[in-house]
Amino acid sequence: NTVVHLSIHSFTPILNDSVRNCDIGLLYDSSNQQEKKIALQL
């Protein structure tokens, strides 16, 4: 099988007085084409 592993996290909207401008972040290895494809599809 090929495994797609989604690890669920959350982030504080403000860190060190800086506002994080994002609702949902998708973190992956940009050099991995499979991960890049799944992230883009999502």
PDB file of all heavy atoms in Angstrom:
ATOM      1  N   ASN A   1       0.835  -1.202   0.000  1.00  0.00           N
ATOM      2  CA  ASN A   1       0.000   0.000   0.000  1.00  0.00           C
ATOM      3  C   ASN A   1       0.868   1.249   0.000  1.00  0.00           C
ATOM      4  O   ASN A   1       1.981   1.247   0.518  1.00  0.00           O
ATOM      5  CB  ASN A   1      -0.903   0.042   1.249  1.00  0.00           C
ATOM      6  CG  ASN A   1      -1.871  -1.118   1.295  1.00  0.00           C
ATOM      7  OD1 ASN A   1      -2.753  -1.235   0.457  1.00  0.00           O
ATOM      8  ND2 ASN A   1      -1.706  -1.989   2.292  1.00  0.00           N
ATOM      9  N   THR A   2       0.332   2.312  -0.583  1.00  0.00           N
ATOM     10  CA  THR A   2       0.911   3.636  -0.400  1.00  0.00           C
ATOM     11  C   THR A   2       0.137   4.317   0.719  1.00  0.00           C
ATOM     12  O   THR A   2      -1.089   4.342   0.707  1.00  0.00           O
ATOM     13  CB  THR A   2       0.807   4.474  -1.685  1.00  0.00           C
ATOM     14  OG1 THR A   2       1.637   3.885  -2.694  1.00  0.00           O
ATOM     15  CG2 THR A   2       1.279   5.901  -1.441  1.00  0.00           C
ATOM     16  N   VAL A   3       0.865   4.839   1.689  1.00  0.00           N
ATOM     17  CA  VAL A   3       0.240   5.461   2.856  1.00  0.00           C
ATOM     18  C   VAL A   3       0.259   6.982   2.721  1.00  0.00           C
ATOM     19  O   VAL A   3       1.304   7.583   2.464  1.00  0.00           O
ATOM     20  CB  VAL A   3       0.968   5.049   4.149  1.00  0.00           C
ATOM     21  CG1 VAL A   3       0.460   5.861   5.344  1.00  0.00           C
ATOM     22  CG2 VAL A   3       0.782   3.564   4.403  1.00  0.00           C
ATOM     23  N   VAL A   4      -0.919   7.584   2.873  1.00  0.00           N
ATOM     24  CA  VAL A   4      -1.029   9.036   3.000  1.00  0.00           C
ATOM     25  C   VAL A   4      -1.288   9.331   4.473  1.00  0.00           C
ATOM     26  O   VAL A   4      -2.305   8.925   5.022  1.00  0.00           O
ATOM     27  CB  VAL A   4      -2.175   9.614   2.137  1.00  0.00           C
ATOM     28  CG1 VAL A   4      -2.291  11.112   2.365  1.00  0.00           C
ATOM     29  CG2 VAL A   4      -1.927   9.327   0.666  1.00  0.00           C
ATOM     30  N   HIS A   5      -0.340   9.988   5.102  1.00  0.00           N
ATOM     31  CA  HIS A   5      -0.404  10.264   6.536  1.00  0.00           C
ATOM     32  C   HIS A   5      -0.681  11.757   6.746  1.00  0.00           C
ATOM     33  O   HIS A   5       0.111  12.602   6.351  1.00  0.00           O
ATOM     34  CB  HIS A   5       0.923   9.871   7.194  1.00  0.00           C
ATOM     35  CG  HIS A   5       1.031  10.264   8.629  1.00  0.00           C
ATOM     36  ND1 HIS A   5       2.248  10.451   9.257  1.00  0.00           N
ATOM     37  CD2 HIS A   5       0.078  10.513   9.583  1.00  0.00           C
ATOM     38  CE1 HIS A   5       2.039  10.788  10.510  1.00  0.00           C
ATOM     39  NE2 HIS A   5       0.734  10.844  10.728  1.00  0.00           N
ATOM     40  N   LEU A   6      -1.830  12.065   7.351  1.00  0.00           N
ATOM     41  CA  LEU A   6      -2.178  13.441   7.694  1.00  0.00           C
ATOM     42  C   LEU A   6      -1.998  13.625   9.194  1.00  0.00           C
ATOM     43  O   LEU A   6      -2.636  12.952   9.994  1.00  0.00           O
ATOM     44  CB  LEU A   6      -3.626  13.750   7.297  1.00  0.00           C
ATOM     45  CG  LEU A   6      -3.994  13.557   5.828  1.00  0.00           C
ATOM     46  CD1 LEU A   6      -5.464  13.919   5.602  1.00  0.00           C
ATOM     47  CD2 LEU A   6      -3.103  14.392   4.919  1.00  0.00           C
ATOM     48  N   SER A   7      -1.103  14.514   9.561  1.00  0.00           N
ATOM     49  CA  SER A   7      -0.823  14.809  10.964  1.00  0.00           C
ATOM     50  C   SER A   7      -1.480  16.144  11.307  1.00  0.00           C
ATOM     51  O   SER A   7      -1.132  17.176  10.732  1.00  0.00           O
ATOM     52  CB  SER A   7       0.693  14.862  11.188  1.00  0.00           C
ATOM     53  OG  SER A   7       1.003  15.189  12.521  1.00  0.00           O
ATOM     54  N   ILE A   8      -2.450  16.113  12.239  1.00  0.00           N
ATOM     55  CA  ILE A   8      -3.283  17.285  12.506  1.00  0.00           C
ATOM     56  C   ILE A   8      -2.695  18.138  13.630  1.00  0.00           C
ATOM     57  O   ILE A   8      -2.460  17.650  14.739  1.00  0.00           O
ATOM     58  CB  ILE A   8      -4.725  16.861  12.881  1.00  0.00           C
ATOM     59  CG1 ILE A   8      -5.279  15.869  11.847  1.00  0.00           C
ATOM     60  CG2 ILE A   8      -5.618  18.092  13.002  1.00  0.00           C
ATOM     61  CD1 ILE A   8      -5.331  16.391  10.432  1.00  0.00           C
ATOM     62  N   HIS A   9      -2.498  19.420  13.318  1.00  0.00           N
ATOM     63  CA  HIS A   9      -1.937  20.368  14.288  1.00  0.00           C
ATOM     64  C   HIS A   9      -2.709  21.688  14.214  1.00  0.00           C
ATOM     65  O   HIS A   9      -3.582  21.867  13.357  1.00  0.00           O
ATOM     66  CB  HIS A   9      -0.462  20.623  13.987  1.00  0.00           C
ATOM     67  CG  HIS A   9       0.406  19.411  14.154  1.00  0.00           C
ATOM     68  ND1 HIS A   9       1.060  19.124  15.320  1.00  0.00           N
ATOM     69  CD2 HIS A   9       0.715  18.410  13.289  1.00  0.00           C
ATOM     70  CE1 HIS A   9       1.739  17.991  15.187  1.00  0.00           C
ATOM     71  NE2 HIS A   9       1.542  17.541  13.953  1.00  0.00           N
ATOM     72  N   SER A  10      -2.358  22.602  15.108  1.00  0.00           N
ATOM     73  CA  SER A  10      -2.919  23.955  15.038  1.00  0.00           C
ATOM     74  C   SER A  10      -1.849  24.952  15.454  1.00  0.00           C
ATOM     75  O   SER A  10      -0.859  24.595  16.102  1.00  0.00           O
ATOM     76  CB  SER A  10      -4.158  24.090  15.938  1.00  0.00           C
ATOM     77  OG  SER A  10      -3.805  24.038  17.306  1.00  0.00           O
ATOM     78  N   PHE A  11      -2.043  26.206  15.059  1.00  0.00           N
ATOM     79  CA  PHE A  11      -1.051  27.233  15.383  1.00  0.00           C
ATOM     80  C   PHE A  11      -1.725  28.480  15.945  1.00  0.00           C
ATOM     81  O   PHE A  11      -2.864  28.797  15.599  1.00  0.00           O
ATOM     82  CB  PHE A  11      -0.210  27.596  14.157  1.00  0.00           C
ATOM     83  CG  PHE A  11      -0.995  28.176  12.999  1.00  0.00           C
ATOM     84  CD1 PHE A  11      -1.140  29.550  12.857  1.00  0.00           C
ATOM     85  CD2 PHE A  11      -1.569  27.347  12.043  1.00  0.00           C
ATOM     86  CE1 PHE A  11      -1.854  30.094  11.787  1.00  0.00           C
ATOM     87  CE2 PHE A  11      -2.287  27.876  10.969  1.00  0.00           C
ATOM     88  CZ  PHE A  11      -2.423  29.256  10.841  1.00  0.00           C
ATOM     89  N   THR A  12      -1.007  29.156  16.829  1.00  0.00           N
ATOM     90  CA  THR A  12      -1.537  30.375  17.432  1.00  0.00           C
ATOM     91  C   THR A  12      -1.616  31.479  16.375  1.00  0.00           C
ATOM     92  O   THR A  12      -0.688  31.631  15.566  1.00  0.00           O
ATOM     93  CB  THR A  12      -0.670  30.824  18.625  1.00  0.00           C
ATOM     94  OG1 THR A  12      -1.248  31.992  19.211  1.00  0.00           O
ATOM     95  CG2 THR A  12       0.756  31.130  18.211  1.00  0.00           C
ATOM     96  N   PRO A  13      -2.718  32.252  16.338  1.00  0.00           N
ATOM     97  CA  PRO A  13      -2.883  33.261  15.285  1.00  0.00           C
ATOM     98  C   PRO A  13      -1.894  34.420  15.370  1.00  0.00           C
ATOM     99  O   PRO A  13      -1.622  35.071  14.362  1.00  0.00           O
ATOM    100  CB  PRO A  13      -4.316  33.769  15.491  1.00  0.00           C
ATOM    101  CG  PRO A  13      -4.755  33.259  16.811  1.00  0.00           C
ATOM    102  CD  PRO A  13      -3.900  32.108  17.184  1.00  0.00           C
ATOM    103  N   ILE A  14      -1.342  34.653  16.563  1.00  0.00           N
ATOM    104  CA  ILE A  14      -0.357  35.721  16.744  1.00  0.00           C
ATOM    105  C   ILE A  14       0.838  35.160  17.493  1.00  0.00           C
ATOM    106  O   ILE A  14       0.695  34.566  18.562  1.00  0.00           O
ATOM    107  CB  ILE A  14      -0.946  36.917  17.520  1.00  0.00           C
ATOM    108  CG1 ILE A  14      -2.162  37.487  16.792  1.00  0.00           C
ATOM    109  CG2 ILE A  14       0.113  38.001  17.724  1.00  0.00           C
ATOM    110  CD1 ILE A  14      -2.874  38.590  17.559  1.00  0.00           C
ATOM    111  N   LEU A  15       2.022  35.337  16.956  1.00  0.00           N
ATOM    112  CA  LEU A  15       3.238  34.880  17.610  1.00  0.00           C
ATOM    113  C   LEU A  15       4.269  36.004  17.582  1.00  0.00           C
ATOM    114  O   LEU A  15       4.583  36.546  16.518  1.00  0.00           O
ATOM    115  CB  LEU A  15       3.797  33.640  16.903  1.00  0.00           C
ATOM    116  CG  LEU A  15       5.026  33.005  17.560  1.00  0.00           C
ATOM    117  CD1 LEU A  15       4.669  32.430  18.934  1.00  0.00           C
ATOM    118  CD2 LEU A  15       5.616  31.912  16.667  1.00  0.00           C
ATOM    119  N   ASN A  16       4.758  36.371  18.762  1.00  0.00           N
ATOM    120  CA  ASN A  16       5.741  37.459  18.886  1.00  0.00           C
ATOM    121  C   ASN A  16       5.240  38.738  18.215  1.00  0.00           C
ATOM    122  O   ASN A  16       5.973  39.405  17.471  1.00  0.00           O
ATOM    123  CB  ASN A  16       7.081  37.038  18.290  1.00  0.00           C
ATOM    124  CG  ASN A  16       7.672  35.837  18.995  1.00  0.00           C
ATOM    125  OD1 ASN A  16       7.499  35.671  20.207  1.00  0.00           O
ATOM    126  ND2 ASN A  16       8.365  34.991  18.246  1.00  0.00           N
ATOM    127  N   ASP A  17       3.962  39.040  18.451  1.00  0.00           N
ATOM    128  CA  ASP A  17       3.298  40.248  17.936  1.00  0.00           C
ATOM    129  C   ASP A  17       3.081  40.236  16.424  1.00  0.00           C
ATOM    130  O   ASP A  17       2.664  41.242  15.845  1.00  0.00           O
ATOM    131  CB  ASP A  17       4.084  41.516  18.318  1.00  0.00           C
ATOM    132  CG  ASP A  17       4.138  41.719  19.821  1.00  0.00           C
ATOM    133  OD1 ASP A  17       3.133  41.400  20.499  1.00  0.00           O
ATOM    134  OD2 ASP A  17       5.180  42.184  20.322  1.00  0.00           O
ATOM    135  N   SER A  18       3.363  39.113  15.776  1.00  0.00           N
ATOM    136  CA  SER A  18       3.144  39.006  14.334  1.00  0.00           C
ATOM    137  C   SER A  18       1.904  38.170  14.056  1.00  0.00           C
ATOM    138  O   SER A  18       1.767  37.066  14.589  1.00  0.00           O
ATOM    139  CB  SER A  18       4.351  38.358  13.643  1.00  0.00           C
ATOM    140  OG  SER A  18       5.498  39.166  13.772  1.00  0.00           O
ATOM    141  N   VAL A  19       0.998  38.703  13.218  1.00  0.00           N
ATOM    142  CA  VAL A  19      -0.224  37.990  12.868  1.00  0.00           C
ATOM    143  C   VAL A  19       0.089  36.975  11.779  1.00  0.00           C
ATOM    144  O   VAL A  19       0.698  37.316  10.761  1.00  0.00           O
ATOM    145  CB  VAL A  19      -1.315  38.972  12.391  1.00  0.00           C
ATOM    146  CG1 VAL A  19      -2.557  38.214  11.941  1.00  0.00           C
ATOM    147  CG2 VAL A  19      -1.669  39.958  13.496  1.00  0.00           C
ATOM    148  N   ARG A  20      -0.321  35.731  11.992  1.00  0.00           N
ATOM    149  CA  ARG A  20      -0.153  34.698  10.976  1.00  0.00           C
ATOM    150  C   ARG A  20      -1.299  34.812   9.974  1.00  0.00           C
ATOM    151  O   ARG A  20      -2.449  34.609  10.328  1.00  0.00           O
ATOM    152  CB  ARG A  20      -0.191  33.319  11.634  1.00  0.00           C
ATOM    153  CG  ARG A  20       1.179  32.736  11.942  1.00  0.00           C
ATOM    154  CD  ARG A  20       1.737  33.073  13.289  1.00  0.00           C
ATOM    155  NE  ARG A  20       2.920  32.251  13.541  1.00  0.00           N
ATOM    156  CZ  ARG A  20       2.910  31.120  14.230  1.00  0.00           C
ATOM    157  NH1 ARG A  20       1.793  30.668  14.755  1.00  0.00           N
ATOM    158  NH2 ARG A  20       4.018  30.422  14.408  1.00  0.00           N
ATOM    159  N   ASN A  21      -0.972  35.103   8.741  1.00  0.00           N
ATOM    160  CA  ASN A  21      -1.978  35.339   7.714  1.00  0.00           C
ATOM    161  C   ASN A  21      -2.296  34.052   6.975  1.00  0.00           C
ATOM    162  O   ASN A  21      -1.847  33.812   5.848  1.00  0.00           O
ATOM    163  CB  ASN A  21      -1.475  36.412   6.740  1.00  0.00           C
ATOM    164  CG  ASN A  21      -2.539  36.827   5.752  1.00  0.00           C
ATOM    165  OD1 ASN A  21      -3.733  36.632   5.994  1.00  0.00           O
ATOM    166  ND2 ASN A  21      -2.115  37.376   4.631  1.00  0.00           N
ATOM    167  N   CYS A  22      -3.103  33.202   7.624  1.00  0.00           N
ATOM    168  CA  CYS A  22      -3.412  31.892   7.047  1.00  0.00           C
ATOM    169  C   CYS A  22      -4.538  31.246   7.851  1.00  0.00           C
ATOM    170  O   CYS A  22      -4.620  31.431   9.066  1.00  0.00           O
ATOM    171  CB  CYS A  22      -2.158  31.015   7.099  1.00  0.00           C
ATOM    172  SG  CYS A  22      -2.357  29.332   6.499  1.00  0.00           S
ATOM    173  N   ASP A  23      -5.411  30.513   7.162  1.00  0.00           N
ATOM    174  CA  ASP A  23      -6.442  29.729   7.843  1.00  0.00           C
ATOM    175  C   ASP A  23      -6.005  28.277   8.015  1.00  0.00           C
ATOM    176  O   ASP A  23      -6.151  27.694   9.079  1.00  0.00           O
ATOM    177  CB  ASP A  23      -7.758  29.763   7.052  1.00  0.00           C
ATOM    178  CG  ASP A  23      -8.360  31.153   6.976  1.00  0.00           C
ATOM    179  OD1 ASP A  23      -8.159  31.937   7.921  1.00  0.00           O
ATOM    180  OD2 ASP A  23      -9.025  31.447   5.960  1.00  0.00           O
ATOM    181  N   ILE A  24      -5.483  27.714   6.933  1.00  0.00           N
ATOM    182  CA  ILE A  24      -5.054  26.318   6.924  1.00  0.00           C
ATOM    183  C   ILE A  24      -3.690  26.236   6.253  1.00  0.00           C
ATOM    184  O   ILE A  24      -3.509  26.702   5.130  1.00  0.00           O
ATOM    185  CB  ILE A  24      -6.046  25.420   6.163  1.00  0.00           C
ATOM    186  CG1 ILE A  24      -7.448  25.542   6.758  1.00  0.00           C
ATOM    187  CG2 ILE A  24      -5.579  23.969   6.168  1.00  0.00           C
ATOM    188  CD1 ILE A  24      -8.533  24.889   5.914  1.00  0.00           C
ATOM    189  N   GLY A  25      -2.741  25.641   6.944  1.00  0.00           N
ATOM    190  CA  GLY A  25      -1.415  25.428   6.369  1.00  0.00           C
ATOM    191  C   GLY A  25      -1.213  23.967   6.015  1.00  0.00           C
ATOM    192  O   GLY A  25      -1.603  23.082   6.779  1.00  0.00           O
ATOM    193  N   LEU A  26      -0.638  23.719   4.855  1.00  0.00           N
ATOM    194  CA  LEU A  26      -0.326  22.357   4.421  1.00  0.00           C
ATOM    195  C   LEU A  26       1.193  22.229   4.333  1.00  0.00           C
ATOM    196  O   LEU A  26       1.832  22.855   3.489  1.00  0.00           O
ATOM    197  CB  LEU A  26      -0.968  22.058   3.064  1.00  0.00           C
ATOM    198  CG  LEU A  26      -2.496  22.208   2.993  1.00  0.00           C
ATOM    199  CD1 LEU A  26      -2.990  21.959   1.575  1.00  0.00           C
ATOM    200  CD2 LEU A  26      -3.184  21.266   3.981  1.00  0.00           C
ATOM    201  N   LEU A  27       1.757  21.430   5.224  1.00  0.00           N
ATOM    202  CA  LEU A  27       3.203  21.301   5.316  1.00  0.00           C
ATOM    203  C   LEU A  27       3.656  20.000   4.679  1.00  0.00           C
ATOM    204  O   LEU A  27       3.136  18.923   5.015  1.00  0.00           O
ATOM    205  CB  LEU A  27       3.641  21.327   6.785  1.00  0.00           C
ATOM    206  CG  LEU A  27       3.761  22.683   7.489  1.00  0.00           C
ATOM    207  CD1 LEU A  27       2.507  23.522   7.354  1.00  0.00           C
ATOM    208  CD2 LEU A  27       4.094  22.487   8.971  1.00  0.00           C
ATOM    209  N   TYR A  28       4.618  20.096   3.771  1.00  0.00           N
ATOM    210  CA  TYR A  28       5.114  18.904   3.078  1.00  0.00           C
ATOM    211  C   TYR A  28       6.520  19.179   2.565  1.00  0.00           C
ATOM    212  O   TYR A  28       7.021  20.313   2.635  1.00  0.00           O
ATOM    213  CB  TYR A  28       4.189  18.545   1.915  1.00  0.00           C
ATOM    214  CG  TYR A  28       4.143  19.589   0.809  1.00  0.00           C
ATOM    215  CD1 TYR A  28       4.927  19.455  -0.326  1.00  0.00           C
ATOM    216  CD2 TYR A  28       3.335  20.717   0.917  1.00  0.00           C
ATOM    217  CE1 TYR A  28       4.913  20.408  -1.326  1.00  0.00           C
ATOM    218  CE2 TYR A  28       3.306  21.676  -0.073  1.00  0.00           C
ATOM    219  CZ  TYR A  28       4.099  21.517  -1.192  1.00  0.00           C
ATOM    220  OH  TYR A  28       4.078  22.486  -2.176  1.00  0.00           O
ATOM    221  N   ASP A  29       7.160  18.153   2.044  1.00  0.00           N
ATOM    222  CA  ASP A  29       8.487  18.291   1.447  1.00  0.00           C
ATOM    223  C   ASP A  29       8.308  18.704  -0.009  1.00  0.00           C
ATOM    224  O   ASP A  29       7.844  17.918  -0.831  1.00  0.00           O
ATOM    225  CB  ASP A  29       9.235  16.964   1.562  1.00  0.00           C
ATOM    226  CG  ASP A  29      10.645  17.041   0.991  1.00  0.00           C
ATOM    227  OD1 ASP A  29      11.016  18.081   0.408  1.00  0.00           O
ATOM    228  OD2 ASP A  29      11.382  16.047   1.120  1.00  0.00           O
ATOM    229  N   SER A  30       8.673  19.928  -0.323  1.00  0.00           N
ATOM    230  CA  SER A  30       8.450  20.459  -1.672  1.00  0.00           C
ATOM    231  C   SER A  30       9.256  19.720  -2.740  1.00  0.00           C
ATOM    232  O   SER A  30       8.949  19.829  -3.926  1.00  0.00           O
ATOM    233  CB  SER A  30       8.786  21.949  -1.711  1.00  0.00           C
ATOM    234  OG  SER A  30      10.124  22.181  -1.303  1.00  0.00           O
ATOM    235  N   SER A  31      10.268  18.973  -2.340  1.00  0.00           N
ATOM    236  CA  SER A  31      11.052  18.209  -3.316  1.00  0.00           C
ATOM    237  C   SER A  31      10.444  16.832  -3.588  1.00  0.00           C
ATOM    238  O   SER A  31      10.889  16.117  -4.484  1.00  0.00           O
ATOM    239  CB  SER A  31      12.494  18.029  -2.817  1.00  0.00           C
ATOM    240  OG  SER A  31      12.542  17.209  -1.664  1.00  0.00           O
ATOM    241  N   ASN A  32       9.413  16.486  -2.808  1.00  0.00           N
ATOM    242  CA  ASN A  32       8.731  15.203  -2.982  1.00  0.00           C
ATOM    243  C   ASN A  32       7.510  15.420  -3.867  1.00  0.00           C
ATOM    244  O   ASN A  32       6.531  16.045  -3.454  1.00  0.00           O
ATOM    245  CB  ASN A  32       8.324  14.652  -1.605  1.00  0.00           C
ATOM    246  CG  ASN A  32       7.715  13.265  -1.671  1.00  0.00           C
ATOM    247  OD1 ASN A  32       6.823  12.998  -2.474  1.00  0.00           O
ATOM    248  ND2 ASN A  32       8.192  12.375  -0.808  1.00  0.00           N
ATOM    249  N   GLN A  33       7.554  14.906  -5.077  1.00  0.00           N
ATOM    250  CA  GLN A  33       6.492  15.181  -6.045  1.00  0.00           C
ATOM    251  C   GLN A  33       5.148  14.583  -5.641  1.00  0.00           C
ATOM    252  O   GLN A  33       4.092  15.163  -5.914  1.00  0.00           O
ATOM    253  CB  GLN A  33       6.898  14.657  -7.430  1.00  0.00           C
ATOM    254  CG  GLN A  33       8.080  15.404  -8.035  1.00  0.00           C
ATOM    255  CD  GLN A  33       7.832  16.906  -8.109  1.00  0.00           C
ATOM    256  OE1 GLN A  33       6.814  17.359  -8.644  1.00  0.00           O
ATOM    257  NE2 GLN A  33       8.758  17.689  -7.569  1.00  0.00           N
ATOM    258  N   GLN A  34       5.162  13.434  -4.971  1.00  0.00           N
ATOM    259  CA  GLN A  34       3.905  12.848  -4.512  1.00  0.00           C
ATOM    260  C   GLN A  34       3.242  13.719  -3.452  1.00  0.00           C
ATOM    261  O   GLN A  34       2.036  13.952  -3.473  1.00  0.00           O
ATOM    262  CB  GLN A  34       4.154  11.441  -3.955  1.00  0.00           C
ATOM    263  CG  GLN A  34       4.364  10.374  -5.013  1.00  0.00           C
ATOM    264  CD  GLN A  34       4.443   8.992  -4.388  1.00  0.00           C
ATOM    265  OE1 GLN A  34       5.225   8.753  -3.473  1.00  0.00           O
ATOM    266  NE2 GLN A  34       3.619   8.084  -4.869  1.00  0.00           N
ATOM    267  N   GLU A  35       4.050  14.184  -2.505  1.00  0.00           N
ATOM    268  CA  GLU A  35       3.507  15.047  -1.456  1.00  0.00           C
ATOM    269  C   GLU A  35       3.022  16.369  -2.036  1.00  0.00           C
ATOM    270  O   GLU A  35       1.969  16.886  -1.640  1.00  0.00           O
ATOM    271  CB  GLU A  35       4.557  15.287  -0.372  1.00  0.00           C
ATOM    272  CG  GLU A  35       4.862  14.056   0.441  1.00  0.00           C
ATOM    273  CD  GLU A  35       5.759  14.303   1.629  1.00  0.00           C
ATOM    274  OE1 GLU A  35       6.219  15.451   1.825  1.00  0.00           O
ATOM    275  OE2 GLU A  35       6.005  13.361   2.383  1.00  0.00           O
ATOM    276  N   LYS A  36       3.769  16.905  -2.967  1.00  0.00           N
ATOM    277  CA  LYS A  36       3.381  18.151  -3.612  1.00  0.00           C
ATOM    278  C   LYS A  36       2.044  17.994  -4.328  1.00  0.00           C
ATOM    279  O   LYS A  36       1.173  18.879  -4.261  1.00  0.00           O
ATOM    280  CB  LYS A  36       4.472  18.581  -4.613  1.00  0.00           C
ATOM    281  CG  LYS A  36       4.235  19.931  -5.260  1.00  0.00           C
ATOM    282  CD  LYS A  36       5.431  20.307  -6.133  1.00  0.00           C
ATOM    283  CE  LYS A  36       5.233  21.679  -6.752  1.00  0.00           C
ATOM    284  NZ  LYS A  36       6.408  22.058  -7.602  1.00  0.00           N
ATOM    285  N   LYS A  37       1.866  16.869  -5.003  1.00  0.00           N
ATOM    286  CA  LYS A  37       0.627  16.605  -5.741  1.00  0.00           C
ATOM    287  C   LYS A  37      -0.572  16.513  -4.798  1.00  0.00           C
ATOM    288  O   LYS A  37      -1.622  17.116  -5.047  1.00  0.00           O
ATOM    289  CB  LYS A  37       0.769  15.308  -6.537  1.00  0.00           C
ATOM    290  CG  LYS A  37      -0.470  14.919  -7.336  1.00  0.00           C
ATOM    291  CD  LYS A  37      -0.244  13.620  -8.084  1.00  0.00           C
ATOM    292  CE  LYS A  37      -1.497  13.216  -8.853  1.00  0.00           C
ATOM    293  NZ  LYS A  37      -1.293  11.931  -9.589  1.00  0.00           N
ATOM    294  N   ILE A  38      -0.426  15.761  -3.694  1.00  0.00           N
ATOM    295  CA  ILE A  38      -1.524  15.606  -2.740  1.00  0.00           C
ATOM    296  C   ILE A  38      -1.856  16.939  -2.083  1.00  0.00           C
ATOM    297  O   ILE A  38      -3.037  17.285  -1.916  1.00  0.00           O
ATOM    298  CB  ILE A  38      -1.171  14.554  -1.676  1.00  0.00           C
ATOM    299  CG1 ILE A  38      -1.052  13.159  -2.307  1.00  0.00           C
ATOM    300  CG2 ILE A  38      -2.211  14.533  -0.555  1.00  0.00           C
ATOM    301  CD1 ILE A  38      -2.353  12.621  -2.864  1.00  0.00           C
ATOM    302  N   ALA A  39      -0.840  17.704  -1.712  1.00  0.00           N
ATOM    303  CA  ALA A  39      -1.072  19.012  -1.085  1.00  0.00           C
ATOM    304  C   ALA A  39      -1.819  19.941  -2.038  1.00  0.00           C
ATOM    305  O   ALA A  39      -2.745  20.654  -1.636  1.00  0.00           O
ATOM    306  CB  ALA A  39       0.259  19.627  -0.655  1.00  0.00           C
ATOM    307  N   LEU A  40      -1.415  19.933  -3.310  1.00  0.00           N
ATOM    308  CA  LEU A  40      -2.078  20.779  -4.304  1.00  0.00           C
ATOM    309  C   LEU A  40      -3.524  20.344  -4.506  1.00  0.00           C
ATOM    310  O   LEU A  40      -4.435  21.182  -4.579  1.00  0.00           O
ATOM    311  CB  LEU A  40      -1.315  20.701  -5.629  1.00  0.00           C
ATOM    312  CG  LEU A  40      -1.836  21.594  -6.770  1.00  0.00           C
ATOM    313  CD1 LEU A  40      -1.798  23.060  -6.364  1.00  0.00           C
ATOM    314  CD2 LEU A  40      -1.020  21.370  -8.042  1.00  0.00           C
ATOM    315  N   GLN A  41      -3.761  19.047  -4.584  1.00  0.00           N
ATOM    316  CA  GLN A  41      -5.125  18.535  -4.748  1.00  0.00           C
ATOM    317  C   GLN A  41      -5.996  18.896  -3.553  1.00  0.00           C
ATOM    318  O   GLN A  41      -7.171  19.242  -3.713  1.00  0.00           O
ATOM    319  CB  GLN A  41      -5.101  17.019  -4.938  1.00  0.00           C
ATOM    320  CG  GLN A  41      -4.550  16.566  -6.282  1.00  0.00           C
ATOM    321  CD  GLN A  41      -4.464  15.054  -6.386  1.00  0.00           C
ATOM    322  OE1 GLN A  41      -4.441  14.351  -5.380  1.00  0.00           O
ATOM    323  NE2 GLN A  41      -4.400  14.546  -7.612  1.00  0.00           N
ATOM    324  N   LEU A  42      -5.427  18.831  -2.362  1.00  0.00           N
ATOM    325  CA  LEU A  42      -6.183  19.163  -1.156  1.00  0.00           C
ATOM    326  C   LEU A  42      -6.534  20.642  -1.115  1.00  0.00           C
ATOM    327  O   LEU A  42      -7.660  21.024  -0.772  1.00  0.00           O
ATOM    328  CB  LEU A  42      -5.371  18.770   0.084  1.00  0.00           C
ATOM    329  CG  LEU A  42      -6.069  18.914   1.437  1.00  0.00           C
ATOM    330  CD1 LEU A  42      -7.410  18.195   1.458  1.00  0.00           C
ATOM    331  CD2 LEU A  42      -5.162  18.375   2.553  1.00  0.00           C
TER     332      LEU A  42
END
